[in-house]
Amino acid sequence: MVYTIGLLIVSNIFMTIAWYGHLKLQSMNVITDHTPLLAIILVSWLLALPEYMCQVPANRIGFIGNGGSFSLMQLKVIQEVISISVFVLFVLVIFKGQSLQWNHLAAFVCLVLAVYFVFMK
């Protein structure tokens, strides 16, 4: 169970960097409006490869049908909560100009409630 969640965390770190890292690089003028979109996509794909190398084993190991602890629904909801948690930390640390609003916190509470409900018997 811990191994599955650890892999999901690492996976989501790579995913968040692949999806949103180029925006930070653009704001730092590392990449410009003239940087070909194809180049940005290819770099994102390279970052997404380690994401998949963690995500797929996490799901295989964690799935109850393979001897793991989680149903498919539980795996998906856990992944979503980890994803939003990693994203929020990424935004707060990397994009310092962005703020966390009350409605963002309310949405996060709803996700945590989703985890509660998906694990209810």
PDB file of N, CA and C in Angstrom:
ATOM      1  N   MET A   1       0.822  -1.188   0.000  1.00  0.00           N
ATOM      2  CA  MET A   1       0.000   0.000   0.000  1.00  0.00           C
ATOM      3  C   MET A   1       0.869   1.256   0.000  1.00  0.00           C
ATOM      4  N   VAL A   2       1.883   1.291   0.846  1.00  0.00           N
ATOM      5  CA  VAL A   2       2.771   2.449   0.923  1.00  0.00           C
ATOM      6  C   VAL A   2       3.560   2.604  -0.382  1.00  0.00           C
ATOM      7  N   TYR A   3       3.992   1.480  -0.948  1.00  0.00           N
ATOM      8  CA  TYR A   3       4.740   1.502  -2.210  1.00  0.00           C
ATOM      9  C   TYR A   3       3.881   2.084  -3.332  1.00  0.00           C
ATOM     10  N   THR A   4       2.622   1.685  -3.387  1.00  0.00           N
ATOM     11  CA  THR A   4       1.697   2.193  -4.407  1.00  0.00           C
ATOM     12  C   THR A   4       1.535   3.700  -4.274  1.00  0.00           C
ATOM     13  N   ILE A   5       1.287   4.172  -3.068  1.00  0.00           N
ATOM     14  CA  ILE A   5       1.082   5.604  -2.852  1.00  0.00           C
ATOM     15  C   ILE A   5       2.364   6.378  -3.140  1.00  0.00           C
ATOM     16  N   GLY A   6       3.514   5.832  -2.751  1.00  0.00           N
ATOM     17  CA  GLY A   6       4.796   6.484  -3.052  1.00  0.00           C
ATOM     18  C   GLY A   6       5.020   6.629  -4.552  1.00  0.00           C
ATOM     19  N   LEU A   7       4.738   5.570  -5.299  1.00  0.00           N
ATOM     20  CA  LEU A   7       4.871   5.638  -6.756  1.00  0.00           C
ATOM     21  C   LEU A   7       3.898   6.642  -7.365  1.00  0.00           C
ATOM     22  N   LEU A   8       2.687   6.713  -6.814  1.00  0.00           N
ATOM     23  CA  LEU A   8       1.718   7.686  -7.311  1.00  0.00           C
ATOM     24  C   LEU A   8       2.176   9.117  -7.041  1.00  0.00           C
ATOM     25  N   ILE A   9       2.802   9.353  -5.911  1.00  0.00           N
ATOM     26  CA  ILE A   9       3.323  10.688  -5.604  1.00  0.00           C
ATOM     27  C   ILE A   9       4.428  11.065  -6.581  1.00  0.00           C
ATOM     28  N   VAL A  10       5.391  10.168  -6.779  1.00  0.00           N
ATOM     29  CA  VAL A  10       6.487  10.445  -7.719  1.00  0.00           C
ATOM     30  C   VAL A  10       5.928  10.660  -9.127  1.00  0.00           C
ATOM     31  N   SER A  11       4.997   9.814  -9.518  1.00  0.00           N
ATOM     32  CA  SER A  11       4.369   9.937 -10.826  1.00  0.00           C
ATOM     33  C   SER A  11       3.740  11.305 -11.013  1.00  0.00           C
ATOM     34  N   ASN A  12       3.020  11.762 -10.018  1.00  0.00           N
ATOM     35  CA  ASN A  12       2.331  13.045 -10.126  1.00  0.00           C
ATOM     36  C   ASN A  12       3.274  14.230 -10.078  1.00  0.00           C
ATOM     37  N   ILE A  13       4.406  14.090  -9.450  1.00  0.00           N
ATOM     38  CA  ILE A  13       5.421  15.157  -9.490  1.00  0.00           C
ATOM     39  C   ILE A  13       5.903  15.328 -10.933  1.00  0.00           C
ATOM     40  N   PHE A  14       6.244  14.221 -11.584  1.00  0.00           N
ATOM     41  CA  PHE A  14       6.675  14.298 -12.984  1.00  0.00           C
ATOM     42  C   PHE A  14       5.559  14.826 -13.881  1.00  0.00           C
ATOM     43  N   MET A  15       4.331  14.370 -13.645  1.00  0.00           N
ATOM     44  CA  MET A  15       3.206  14.802 -14.459  1.00  0.00           C
ATOM     45  C   MET A  15       2.990  16.310 -14.340  1.00  0.00           C
ATOM     46  N   THR A  16       3.041  16.819 -13.123  1.00  0.00           N
ATOM     47  CA  THR A  16       2.815  18.246 -12.905  1.00  0.00           C
ATOM     48  C   THR A  16       3.907  19.077 -13.566  1.00  0.00           C
ATOM     49  N   ILE A  17       5.143  18.631 -13.451  1.00  0.00           N
ATOM     50  CA  ILE A  17       6.245  19.350 -14.107  1.00  0.00           C
ATOM     51  C   ILE A  17       6.079  19.296 -15.626  1.00  0.00           C
ATOM     52  N   ALA A  18       5.697  18.132 -16.146  1.00  0.00           N
ATOM     53  CA  ALA A  18       5.517  17.996 -17.598  1.00  0.00           C
ATOM     54  C   ALA A  18       4.388  18.886 -18.108  1.00  0.00           C
ATOM     55  N   TRP A  19       3.306  18.981 -17.354  1.00  0.00           N
ATOM     56  CA  TRP A  19       2.144  19.738 -17.814  1.00  0.00           C
ATOM     57  C   TRP A  19       2.273  21.236 -17.603  1.00  0.00           C
ATOM     58  N   TYR A  20       2.925  21.643 -16.503  1.00  0.00           N
ATOM     59  CA  TYR A  20       2.911  23.064 -16.143  1.00  0.00           C
ATOM     60  C   TYR A  20       4.293  23.710 -16.061  1.00  0.00           C
ATOM     61  N   GLY A  21       5.347  22.917 -16.097  1.00  0.00           N
ATOM     62  CA  GLY A  21       6.695  23.464 -15.976  1.00  0.00           C
ATOM     63  C   GLY A  21       7.053  24.454 -17.067  1.00  0.00           C
ATOM     64  N   HIS A  22       6.577  24.214 -18.282  1.00  0.00           N
ATOM     65  CA  HIS A  22       6.897  25.119 -19.391  1.00  0.00           C
ATOM     66  C   HIS A  22       6.323  26.515 -19.163  1.00  0.00           C
ATOM     67  N   LEU A  23       5.226  26.604 -18.415  1.00  0.00           N
ATOM     68  CA  LEU A  23       4.659  27.921 -18.118  1.00  0.00           C
ATOM     69  C   LEU A  23       5.594  28.730 -17.223  1.00  0.00           C
ATOM     70  N   LYS A  24       6.222  28.052 -16.267  1.00  0.00           N
ATOM     71  CA  LYS A  24       7.189  28.739 -15.409  1.00  0.00           C
ATOM     72  C   LYS A  24       8.424  29.132 -16.215  1.00  0.00           C
ATOM     73  N   LEU A  25       8.893  28.222 -17.059  1.00  0.00           N
ATOM     74  CA  LEU A  25      10.059  28.533 -17.900  1.00  0.00           C
ATOM     75  C   LEU A  25       9.766  29.708 -18.819  1.00  0.00           C
ATOM     76  N   GLN A  26       8.543  29.812 -19.291  1.00  0.00           N
ATOM     77  CA  GLN A  26       8.159  30.937 -20.136  1.00  0.00           C
ATOM     78  C   GLN A  26       8.152  32.233 -19.328  1.00  0.00           C
ATOM     79  N   SER A  27       7.651  32.176 -18.099  1.00  0.00           N
ATOM     80  CA  SER A  27       7.628  33.386 -17.277  1.00  0.00           C
ATOM     81  C   SER A  27       9.034  33.822 -16.870  1.00  0.00           C
ATOM     82  N   MET A  28       9.994  32.888 -16.897  1.00  0.00           N
ATOM     83  CA  MET A  28      11.399  33.208 -16.588  1.00  0.00           C
ATOM     84  C   MET A  28      12.181  33.558 -17.852  1.00  0.00           C
ATOM     85  N   ASN A  29      11.510  33.593 -18.996  1.00  0.00           N
ATOM     86  CA  ASN A  29      12.124  33.871 -20.298  1.00  0.00           C
ATOM     87  C   ASN A  29      13.168  32.834 -20.705  1.00  0.00           C
ATOM     88  N   VAL A  30      13.068  31.630 -20.157  1.00  0.00           N
ATOM     89  CA  VAL A  30      13.933  30.532 -20.598  1.00  0.00           C
ATOM     90  C   VAL A  30      13.444  30.039 -21.955  1.00  0.00           C
ATOM     91  N   ILE A  31      12.134  29.965 -22.101  1.00  0.00           N
ATOM     92  CA  ILE A  31      11.538  29.713 -23.407  1.00  0.00           C
ATOM     93  C   ILE A  31      10.698  30.951 -23.746  1.00  0.00           C
ATOM     94  N   THR A  32      10.550  31.198 -25.015  1.00  0.00           N
ATOM     95  CA  THR A  32       9.854  32.413 -25.445  1.00  0.00           C
ATOM     96  C   THR A  32       8.633  32.038 -26.285  1.00  0.00           C
ATOM     97  N   ASP A  33       7.937  33.066 -26.727  1.00  0.00           N
ATOM     98  CA  ASP A  33       6.795  32.841 -27.616  1.00  0.00           C
ATOM     99  C   ASP A  33       7.251  32.252 -28.949  1.00  0.00           C
ATOM    100  N   HIS A  34       8.540  32.391 -29.250  1.00  0.00           N
ATOM    101  CA  HIS A  34       9.083  31.889 -30.509  1.00  0.00           C
ATOM    102  C   HIS A  34       9.588  30.447 -30.405  1.00  0.00           C
ATOM    103  N   THR A  35       9.606  29.906 -29.179  1.00  0.00           N
ATOM    104  CA  THR A  35      10.005  28.508 -29.015  1.00  0.00           C
ATOM    105  C   THR A  35       8.939  27.642 -29.671  1.00  0.00           C
ATOM    106  N   PRO A  36       9.347  26.762 -30.567  1.00  0.00           N
ATOM    107  CA  PRO A  36       8.349  25.928 -31.256  1.00  0.00           C
ATOM    108  C   PRO A  36       7.545  25.079 -30.272  1.00  0.00           C
ATOM    109  N   LEU A  37       6.252  25.065 -30.459  1.00  0.00           N
ATOM    110  CA  LEU A  37       5.373  24.285 -29.606  1.00  0.00           C
ATOM    111  C   LEU A  37       5.755  22.810 -29.633  1.00  0.00           C
ATOM    112  N   LEU A  38       6.181  22.329 -30.786  1.00  0.00           N
ATOM    113  CA  LEU A  38       6.591  20.927 -30.899  1.00  0.00           C
ATOM    114  C   LEU A  38       7.755  20.619 -29.955  1.00  0.00           C
ATOM    115  N   ALA A  39       8.698  21.536 -29.821  1.00  0.00           N
ATOM    116  CA  ALA A  39       9.824  21.336 -28.904  1.00  0.00           C
ATOM    117  C   ALA A  39       9.336  21.247 -27.458  1.00  0.00           C
ATOM    118  N   ILE A  40       8.396  22.102 -27.103  1.00  0.00           N
ATOM    119  CA  ILE A  40       7.845  22.086 -25.742  1.00  0.00           C
ATOM    120  C   ILE A  40       7.101  20.775 -25.497  1.00  0.00           C
ATOM    121  N   ILE A  41       6.352  20.326 -26.492  1.00  0.00           N
ATOM    122  CA  ILE A  41       5.623  19.059 -26.365  1.00  0.00           C
ATOM    123  C   ILE A  41       6.592  17.893 -26.206  1.00  0.00           C
ATOM    124  N   LEU A  42       7.660  17.870 -26.992  1.00  0.00           N
ATOM    125  CA  LEU A  42       8.632  16.772 -26.900  1.00  0.00           C
ATOM    126  C   LEU A  42       9.310  16.726 -25.536  1.00  0.00           C
ATOM    127  N   VAL A  43       9.677  17.892 -25.004  1.00  0.00           N
ATOM    128  CA  VAL A  43      10.287  17.932 -23.668  1.00  0.00           C
ATOM    129  C   VAL A  43       9.275  17.457 -22.627  1.00  0.00           C
ATOM    130  N   SER A  44       8.030  17.861 -22.779  1.00  0.00           N
ATOM    131  CA  SER A  44       6.987  17.412 -21.851  1.00  0.00           C
ATOM    132  C   SER A  44       6.812  15.901 -21.928  1.00  0.00           C
ATOM    133  N   TRP A  45       6.868  15.342 -23.118  1.00  0.00           N
ATOM    134  CA  TRP A  45       6.773  13.891 -23.266  1.00  0.00           C
ATOM    135  C   TRP A  45       7.930  13.180 -22.582  1.00  0.00           C
ATOM    136  N   LEU A  46       9.118  13.758 -22.685  1.00  0.00           N
ATOM    137  CA  LEU A  46      10.274  13.158 -22.008  1.00  0.00           C
ATOM    138  C   LEU A  46      10.073  13.156 -20.495  1.00  0.00           C
ATOM    139  N   LEU A  47       9.454  14.212 -19.977  1.00  0.00           N
ATOM    140  CA  LEU A  47       9.150  14.261 -18.550  1.00  0.00           C
ATOM    141  C   LEU A  47       7.997  13.330 -18.188  1.00  0.00           C
ATOM    142  N   ALA A  48       7.104  13.109 -19.129  1.00  0.00           N
ATOM    143  CA  ALA A  48       5.967  12.229 -18.870  1.00  0.00           C
ATOM    144  C   ALA A  48       6.377  10.759 -18.866  1.00  0.00           C
ATOM    145  N   LEU A  49       7.475  10.414 -19.508  1.00  0.00           N
ATOM    146  CA  LEU A  49       7.915   9.015 -19.521  1.00  0.00           C
ATOM    147  C   LEU A  49       8.170   8.490 -18.108  1.00  0.00           C
ATOM    148  N   PRO A  50       8.943   9.191 -17.262  1.00  0.00           N
ATOM    149  CA  PRO A  50       9.090   8.693 -15.887  1.00  0.00           C
ATOM    150  C   PRO A  50       7.759   8.675 -15.124  1.00  0.00           C
ATOM    151  N   GLU A  51       6.862   9.590 -15.489  1.00  0.00           N
ATOM    152  CA  GLU A  51       5.539   9.589 -14.860  1.00  0.00           C
ATOM    153  C   GLU A  51       4.836   8.263 -15.127  1.00  0.00           C
ATOM    154  N   TYR A  52       4.846   7.823 -16.373  1.00  0.00           N
ATOM    155  CA  TYR A  52       4.213   6.553 -16.720  1.00  0.00           C
ATOM    156  C   TYR A  52       4.970   5.367 -16.127  1.00  0.00           C
ATOM    157  N   MET A  53       6.275   5.502 -16.004  1.00  0.00           N
ATOM    158  CA  MET A  53       7.082   4.414 -15.437  1.00  0.00           C
ATOM    159  C   MET A  53       6.791   4.216 -13.951  1.00  0.00           C
ATOM    160  N   CYS A  54       6.192   5.209 -13.317  1.00  0.00           N
ATOM    161  CA  CYS A  54       5.763   5.076 -11.918  1.00  0.00           C
ATOM    162  C   CYS A  54       4.268   4.790 -11.817  1.00  0.00           C
ATOM    163  N   GLN A  55       3.484   5.443 -12.669  1.00  0.00           N
ATOM    164  CA  GLN A  55       2.018   5.313 -12.606  1.00  0.00           C
ATOM    165  C   GLN A  55       1.551   3.887 -12.915  1.00  0.00           C
ATOM    166  N   VAL A  56       2.067   3.317 -13.981  1.00  0.00           N
ATOM    167  CA  VAL A  56       1.613   1.980 -14.386  1.00  0.00           C
ATOM    168  C   VAL A  56       1.947   0.929 -13.316  1.00  0.00           C
ATOM    169  N   PRO A  57       3.189   0.885 -12.813  1.00  0.00           N
ATOM    170  CA  PRO A  57       3.462  -0.095 -11.749  1.00  0.00           C
ATOM    171  C   PRO A  57       2.654   0.172 -10.474  1.00  0.00           C
ATOM    172  N   ALA A  58       2.421   1.443 -10.152  1.00  0.00           N
ATOM    173  CA  ALA A  58       1.621   1.761  -8.963  1.00  0.00           C
ATOM    174  C   ALA A  58       0.239   1.145  -9.079  1.00  0.00           C
ATOM    175  N   ASN A  59      -0.371   1.278 -10.249  1.00  0.00           N
ATOM    176  CA  ASN A  59      -1.703   0.713 -10.450  1.00  0.00           C
ATOM    177  C   ASN A  59      -1.673  -0.813 -10.459  1.00  0.00           C
ATOM    178  N   ARG A  60      -0.665  -1.380 -11.076  1.00  0.00           N
ATOM    179  CA  ARG A  60      -0.573  -2.850 -11.114  1.00  0.00           C
ATOM    180  C   ARG A  60      -0.346  -3.420  -9.727  1.00  0.00           C
ATOM    181  N   ILE A  61       0.558  -2.804  -8.980  1.00  0.00           N
ATOM    182  CA  ILE A  61       0.876  -3.292  -7.628  1.00  0.00           C
ATOM    183  C   ILE A  61      -0.299  -3.056  -6.676  1.00  0.00           C
ATOM    184  N   GLY A  62      -0.936  -1.903  -6.808  1.00  0.00           N
ATOM    185  CA  GLY A  62      -1.994  -1.535  -5.872  1.00  0.00           C
ATOM    186  C   GLY A  62      -3.344  -2.169  -6.126  1.00  0.00           C
ATOM    187  N   PHE A  63      -3.568  -2.657  -7.350  1.00  0.00           N
ATOM    188  CA  PHE A  63      -4.873  -3.200  -7.724  1.00  0.00           C
ATOM    189  C   PHE A  63      -5.149  -4.514  -7.003  1.00  0.00           C
ATOM    190  N   ILE A  64      -6.317  -4.596  -6.403  1.00  0.00           N
ATOM    191  CA  ILE A  64      -6.697  -5.770  -5.620  1.00  0.00           C
ATOM    192  C   ILE A  64      -6.677  -7.050  -6.457  1.00  0.00           C
ATOM    193  N   GLY A  65      -6.948  -6.933  -7.757  1.00  0.00           N
ATOM    194  CA  GLY A  65      -6.923  -8.097  -8.643  1.00  0.00           C
ATOM    195  C   GLY A  65      -5.533  -8.661  -8.855  1.00  0.00           C
ATOM    196  N   ASN A  66      -4.513  -7.883  -8.510  1.00  0.00           N
ATOM    197  CA  ASN A  66      -3.123  -8.347  -8.605  1.00  0.00           C
ATOM    198  C   ASN A  66      -2.516  -8.576  -7.222  1.00  0.00           C
ATOM    199  N   GLY A  67      -3.356  -8.666  -6.211  1.00  0.00           N
ATOM    200  CA  GLY A  67      -2.867  -8.898  -4.854  1.00  0.00           C
ATOM    201  C   GLY A  67      -2.649  -7.613  -4.063  1.00  0.00           C
ATOM    202  N   GLY A  68      -3.033  -6.475  -4.631  1.00  0.00           N
ATOM    203  CA  GLY A  68      -2.873  -5.200  -3.938  1.00  0.00           C
ATOM    204  C   GLY A  68      -4.011  -4.918  -2.973  1.00  0.00           C
ATOM    205  N   SER A  69      -4.068  -3.688  -2.519  1.00  0.00           N
ATOM    206  CA  SER A  69      -5.020  -3.302  -1.478  1.00  0.00           C
ATOM    207  C   SER A  69      -6.220  -2.509  -1.982  1.00  0.00           C
ATOM    208  N   PHE A  70      -6.204  -2.066  -3.249  1.00  0.00           N
ATOM    209  CA  PHE A  70      -7.192  -1.094  -3.700  1.00  0.00           C
ATOM    210  C   PHE A  70      -8.021  -1.586  -4.884  1.00  0.00           C
ATOM    211  N   SER A  71      -9.292  -1.178  -4.884  1.00  0.00           N
ATOM    212  CA  SER A  71     -10.126  -1.393  -6.063  1.00  0.00           C
ATOM    213  C   SER A  71      -9.737  -0.341  -7.104  1.00  0.00           C
ATOM    214  N   LEU A  72     -10.250  -0.488  -8.322  1.00  0.00           N
ATOM    215  CA  LEU A  72      -9.965   0.506  -9.360  1.00  0.00           C
ATOM    216  C   LEU A  72     -10.484   1.889  -8.976  1.00  0.00           C
ATOM    217  N   MET A  73     -11.670   1.945  -8.410  1.00  0.00           N
ATOM    218  CA  MET A  73     -12.234   3.235  -7.989  1.00  0.00           C
ATOM    219  C   MET A  73     -11.373   3.871  -6.909  1.00  0.00           C
ATOM    220  N   GLN A  74     -10.924   3.085  -5.958  1.00  0.00           N
ATOM    221  CA  GLN A  74     -10.073   3.611  -4.894  1.00  0.00           C
ATOM    222  C   GLN A  74      -8.752   4.124  -5.450  1.00  0.00           C
ATOM    223  N   LEU A  75      -8.146   3.363  -6.359  1.00  0.00           N
ATOM    224  CA  LEU A  75      -6.889   3.803  -6.979  1.00  0.00           C
ATOM    225  C   LEU A  75      -7.063   5.140  -7.682  1.00  0.00           C
ATOM    226  N   LYS A  76      -8.155   5.285  -8.419  1.00  0.00           N
ATOM    227  CA  LYS A  76      -8.386   6.516  -9.172  1.00  0.00           C
ATOM    228  C   LYS A  76      -8.602   7.707  -8.247  1.00  0.00           C
ATOM    229  N   VAL A  77      -9.387   7.533  -7.215  1.00  0.00           N
ATOM    230  CA  VAL A  77      -9.654   8.645  -6.302  1.00  0.00           C
ATOM    231  C   VAL A  77      -8.388   9.012  -5.531  1.00  0.00           C
ATOM    232  N   ILE A  78      -7.615   8.026  -5.101  1.00  0.00           N
ATOM    233  CA  ILE A  78      -6.337   8.303  -4.435  1.00  0.00           C
ATOM    234  C   ILE A  78      -5.436   9.089  -5.374  1.00  0.00           C
ATOM    235  N   GLN A  79      -5.359   8.668  -6.633  1.00  0.00           N
ATOM    236  CA  GLN A  79      -4.514   9.351  -7.607  1.00  0.00           C
ATOM    237  C   GLN A  79      -4.947  10.798  -7.785  1.00  0.00           C
ATOM    238  N   GLU A  80      -6.233  11.050  -7.828  1.00  0.00           N
ATOM    239  CA  GLU A  80      -6.731  12.418  -8.010  1.00  0.00           C
ATOM    240  C   GLU A  80      -6.386  13.297  -6.820  1.00  0.00           C
ATOM    241  N   VAL A  81      -6.514  12.775  -5.611  1.00  0.00           N
ATOM    242  CA  VAL A  81      -6.166  13.558  -4.422  1.00  0.00           C
ATOM    243  C   VAL A  81      -4.665  13.841  -4.391  1.00  0.00           C
ATOM    244  N   ILE A  82      -3.861  12.850  -4.731  1.00  0.00           N
ATOM    245  CA  ILE A  82      -2.413  13.067  -4.795  1.00  0.00           C
ATOM    246  C   ILE A  82      -2.100  14.095  -5.875  1.00  0.00           C
ATOM    247  N   SER A  83      -2.757  13.975  -7.022  1.00  0.00           N
ATOM    248  CA  SER A  83      -2.525  14.902  -8.122  1.00  0.00           C
ATOM    249  C   SER A  83      -2.803  16.343  -7.719  1.00  0.00           C
ATOM    250  N   ILE A  84      -3.934  16.587  -7.091  1.00  0.00           N
ATOM    251  CA  ILE A  84      -4.273  17.960  -6.709  1.00  0.00           C
ATOM    252  C   ILE A  84      -3.364  18.446  -5.583  1.00  0.00           C
ATOM    253  N   SER A  85      -2.959  17.556  -4.691  1.00  0.00           N
ATOM    254  CA  SER A  85      -2.040  17.938  -3.608  1.00  0.00           C
ATOM    255  C   SER A  85      -0.688  18.360  -4.171  1.00  0.00           C
ATOM    256  N   VAL A  86      -0.157  17.557  -5.079  1.00  0.00           N
ATOM    257  CA  VAL A  86       1.123  17.896  -5.715  1.00  0.00           C
ATOM    258  C   VAL A  86       0.991  19.193  -6.492  1.00  0.00           C
ATOM    259  N   PHE A  87      -0.116  19.355  -7.206  1.00  0.00           N
ATOM    260  CA  PHE A  87      -0.335  20.570  -7.987  1.00  0.00           C
ATOM    261  C   PHE A  87      -0.379  21.801  -7.093  1.00  0.00           C
ATOM    262  N   VAL A  88      -1.101  21.730  -5.992  1.00  0.00           N
ATOM    263  CA  VAL A  88      -1.198  22.878  -5.080  1.00  0.00           C
ATOM    264  C   VAL A  88       0.174  23.236  -4.535  1.00  0.00           C
ATOM    265  N   LEU A  89       0.946  22.250  -4.110  1.00  0.00           N
ATOM    266  CA  LEU A  89       2.304  22.525  -3.623  1.00  0.00           C
ATOM    267  C   LEU A  89       3.167  23.135  -4.721  1.00  0.00           C
ATOM    268  N   PHE A  90       3.051  22.611  -5.929  1.00  0.00           N
ATOM    269  CA  PHE A  90       3.802  23.124  -7.072  1.00  0.00           C
ATOM    270  C   PHE A  90       3.464  24.590  -7.324  1.00  0.00           C
ATOM    271  N   VAL A  91       2.185  24.910  -7.325  1.00  0.00           N
ATOM    272  CA  VAL A  91       1.762  26.287  -7.574  1.00  0.00           C
ATOM    273  C   VAL A  91       2.257  27.217  -6.473  1.00  0.00           C
ATOM    274  N   LEU A  92       2.119  26.784  -5.229  1.00  0.00           N
ATOM    275  CA  LEU A  92       2.524  27.645  -4.120  1.00  0.00           C
ATOM    276  C   LEU A  92       4.033  27.860  -4.065  1.00  0.00           C
ATOM    277  N   VAL A  93       4.803  26.855  -4.437  1.00  0.00           N
ATOM    278  CA  VAL A  93       6.264  26.962  -4.377  1.00  0.00           C
ATOM    279  C   VAL A  93       6.834  27.574  -5.654  1.00  0.00           C
ATOM    280  N   ILE A  94       6.390  27.135  -6.814  1.00  0.00           N
ATOM    281  CA  ILE A  94       6.974  27.551  -8.089  1.00  0.00           C
ATOM    282  C   ILE A  94       6.328  28.827  -8.628  1.00  0.00           C
ATOM    283  N   PHE A  95       5.026  28.924  -8.548  1.00  0.00           N
ATOM    284  CA  PHE A  95       4.301  30.097  -9.042  1.00  0.00           C
ATOM    285  C   PHE A  95       3.870  30.940  -7.843  1.00  0.00           C
ATOM    286  N   LYS A  96       4.807  31.651  -7.285  1.00  0.00           N
ATOM    287  CA  LYS A  96       4.556  32.376  -6.035  1.00  0.00           C
ATOM    288  C   LYS A  96       3.476  33.450  -6.154  1.00  0.00           C
ATOM    289  N   GLY A  97       3.185  33.937  -7.346  1.00  0.00           N
ATOM    290  CA  GLY A  97       2.168  34.961  -7.534  1.00  0.00           C
ATOM    291  C   GLY A  97       0.747  34.437  -7.422  1.00  0.00           C
ATOM    292  N   GLN A  98       0.587  33.120  -7.485  1.00  0.00           N
ATOM    293  CA  GLN A  98      -0.741  32.512  -7.398  1.00  0.00           C
ATOM    294  C   GLN A  98      -1.124  32.361  -5.927  1.00  0.00           C
ATOM    295  N   SER A  99      -2.386  32.538  -5.638  1.00  0.00           N
ATOM    296  CA  SER A  99      -2.819  32.402  -4.251  1.00  0.00           C
ATOM    297  C   SER A  99      -3.849  31.288  -4.126  1.00  0.00           C
ATOM    298  N   LEU A 100      -3.955  30.789  -2.923  1.00  0.00           N
ATOM    299  CA  LEU A 100      -4.924  29.752  -2.613  1.00  0.00           C
ATOM    300  C   LEU A 100      -6.161  30.443  -2.046  1.00  0.00           C
ATOM    301  N   GLN A 101      -7.300  30.248  -2.685  1.00  0.00           N
ATOM    302  CA  GLN A 101      -8.544  30.886  -2.290  1.00  0.00           C
ATOM    303  C   GLN A 101      -9.388  29.913  -1.450  1.00  0.00           C
ATOM    304  N   TRP A 102     -10.416  30.426  -0.801  1.00  0.00           N
ATOM    305  CA  TRP A 102     -11.280  29.587   0.020  1.00  0.00           C
ATOM    306  C   TRP A 102     -11.966  28.511  -0.811  1.00  0.00           C
ATOM    307  N   ASN A 103     -12.338  28.858  -2.046  1.00  0.00           N
ATOM    308  CA  ASN A 103     -13.033  27.878  -2.892  1.00  0.00           C
ATOM    309  C   ASN A 103     -12.096  26.751  -3.330  1.00  0.00           C
ATOM    310  N   HIS A 104     -10.797  27.052  -3.443  1.00  0.00           N
ATOM    311  CA  HIS A 104      -9.831  25.990  -3.747  1.00  0.00           C
ATOM    312  C   HIS A 104      -9.755  25.014  -2.575  1.00  0.00           C
ATOM    313  N   LEU A 105      -9.726  25.555  -1.375  1.00  0.00           N
ATOM    314  CA  LEU A 105      -9.702  24.700  -0.181  1.00  0.00           C
ATOM    315  C   LEU A 105     -10.995  23.888  -0.067  1.00  0.00           C
ATOM    316  N   ALA A 106     -12.115  24.496  -0.385  1.00  0.00           N
ATOM    317  CA  ALA A 106     -13.395  23.779  -0.348  1.00  0.00           C
ATOM    318  C   ALA A 106     -13.389  22.620  -1.350  1.00  0.00           C
ATOM    319  N   ALA A 107     -12.828  22.864  -2.533  1.00  0.00           N
ATOM    320  CA  ALA A 107     -12.743  21.804  -3.543  1.00  0.00           C
ATOM    321  C   ALA A 107     -11.852  20.666  -3.053  1.00  0.00           C
ATOM    322  N   PHE A 108     -10.761  21.020  -2.386  1.00  0.00           N
ATOM    323  CA  PHE A 108      -9.858  19.994  -1.857  1.00  0.00           C
ATOM    324  C   PHE A 108     -10.564  19.162  -0.785  1.00  0.00           C
ATOM    325  N   VAL A 109     -11.339  19.812   0.070  1.00  0.00           N
ATOM    326  CA  VAL A 109     -12.105  19.092   1.084  1.00  0.00           C
ATOM    327  C   VAL A 109     -13.074  18.112   0.411  1.00  0.00           C
ATOM    328  N   CYS A 110     -13.678  18.538  -0.687  1.00  0.00           N
ATOM    329  CA  CYS A 110     -14.574  17.638  -1.430  1.00  0.00           C
ATOM    330  C   CYS A 110     -13.833  16.421  -1.953  1.00  0.00           C
ATOM    331  N   LEU A 111     -12.603  16.614  -2.403  1.00  0.00           N
ATOM    332  CA  LEU A 111     -11.805  15.475  -2.875  1.00  0.00           C
ATOM    333  C   LEU A 111     -11.473  14.523  -1.731  1.00  0.00           C
ATOM    334  N   VAL A 112     -11.138  15.084  -0.584  1.00  0.00           N
ATOM    335  CA  VAL A 112     -10.852  14.237   0.577  1.00  0.00           C
ATOM    336  C   VAL A 112     -12.113  13.467   0.973  1.00  0.00           C
ATOM    337  N   LEU A 113     -13.249  14.131   0.902  1.00  0.00           N
ATOM    338  CA  LEU A 113     -14.509  13.433   1.170  1.00  0.00           C
ATOM    339  C   LEU A 113     -14.748  12.320   0.152  1.00  0.00           C
ATOM    340  N   ALA A 114     -14.339  12.542  -1.093  1.00  0.00           N
ATOM    341  CA  ALA A 114     -14.467  11.493  -2.119  1.00  0.00           C
ATOM    342  C   ALA A 114     -13.667  10.262  -1.710  1.00  0.00           C
ATOM    343  N   VAL A 115     -12.468  10.475  -1.170  1.00  0.00           N
ATOM    344  CA  VAL A 115     -11.661   9.341  -0.695  1.00  0.00           C
ATOM    345  C   VAL A 115     -12.407   8.626   0.420  1.00  0.00           C
ATOM    346  N   TYR A 116     -12.945   9.372   1.343  1.00  0.00           N
ATOM    347  CA  TYR A 116     -13.716   8.765   2.443  1.00  0.00           C
ATOM    348  C   TYR A 116     -14.852   7.909   1.890  1.00  0.00           C
ATOM    349  N   PHE A 117     -15.633   8.482   0.983  1.00  0.00           N
ATOM    350  CA  PHE A 117     -16.789   7.765   0.455  1.00  0.00           C
ATOM    351  C   PHE A 117     -16.394   6.541  -0.381  1.00  0.00           C
ATOM    352  N   VAL A 118     -15.333   6.639  -1.134  1.00  0.00           N
ATOM    353  CA  VAL A 118     -14.933   5.513  -1.979  1.00  0.00           C
ATOM    354  C   VAL A 118     -14.414   4.335  -1.127  1.00  0.00           C
ATOM    355  N   PHE A 119     -13.946   4.627   0.092  1.00  0.00           N
ATOM    356  CA  PHE A 119     -13.466   3.551   0.965  1.00  0.00           C
ATOM    357  C   PHE A 119     -14.546   3.040   1.914  1.00  0.00           C
ATOM    358  N   MET A 120     -15.729   3.665   1.910  1.00  0.00           N
ATOM    359  CA  MET A 120     -16.823   3.198   2.766  1.00  0.00           C
ATOM    360  C   MET A 120     -17.282   1.820   2.309  1.00  0.00           C
ATOM    361  N   LYS A 121     -17.607   1.008   3.250  1.00  0.00           N
ATOM    362  CA  LYS A 121     -18.135  -0.338   2.947  1.00  0.00           C
ATOM    363  C   LYS A 121     -19.635  -0.295   2.828  1.00  0.00           C
TER     364      LYS A 121
END
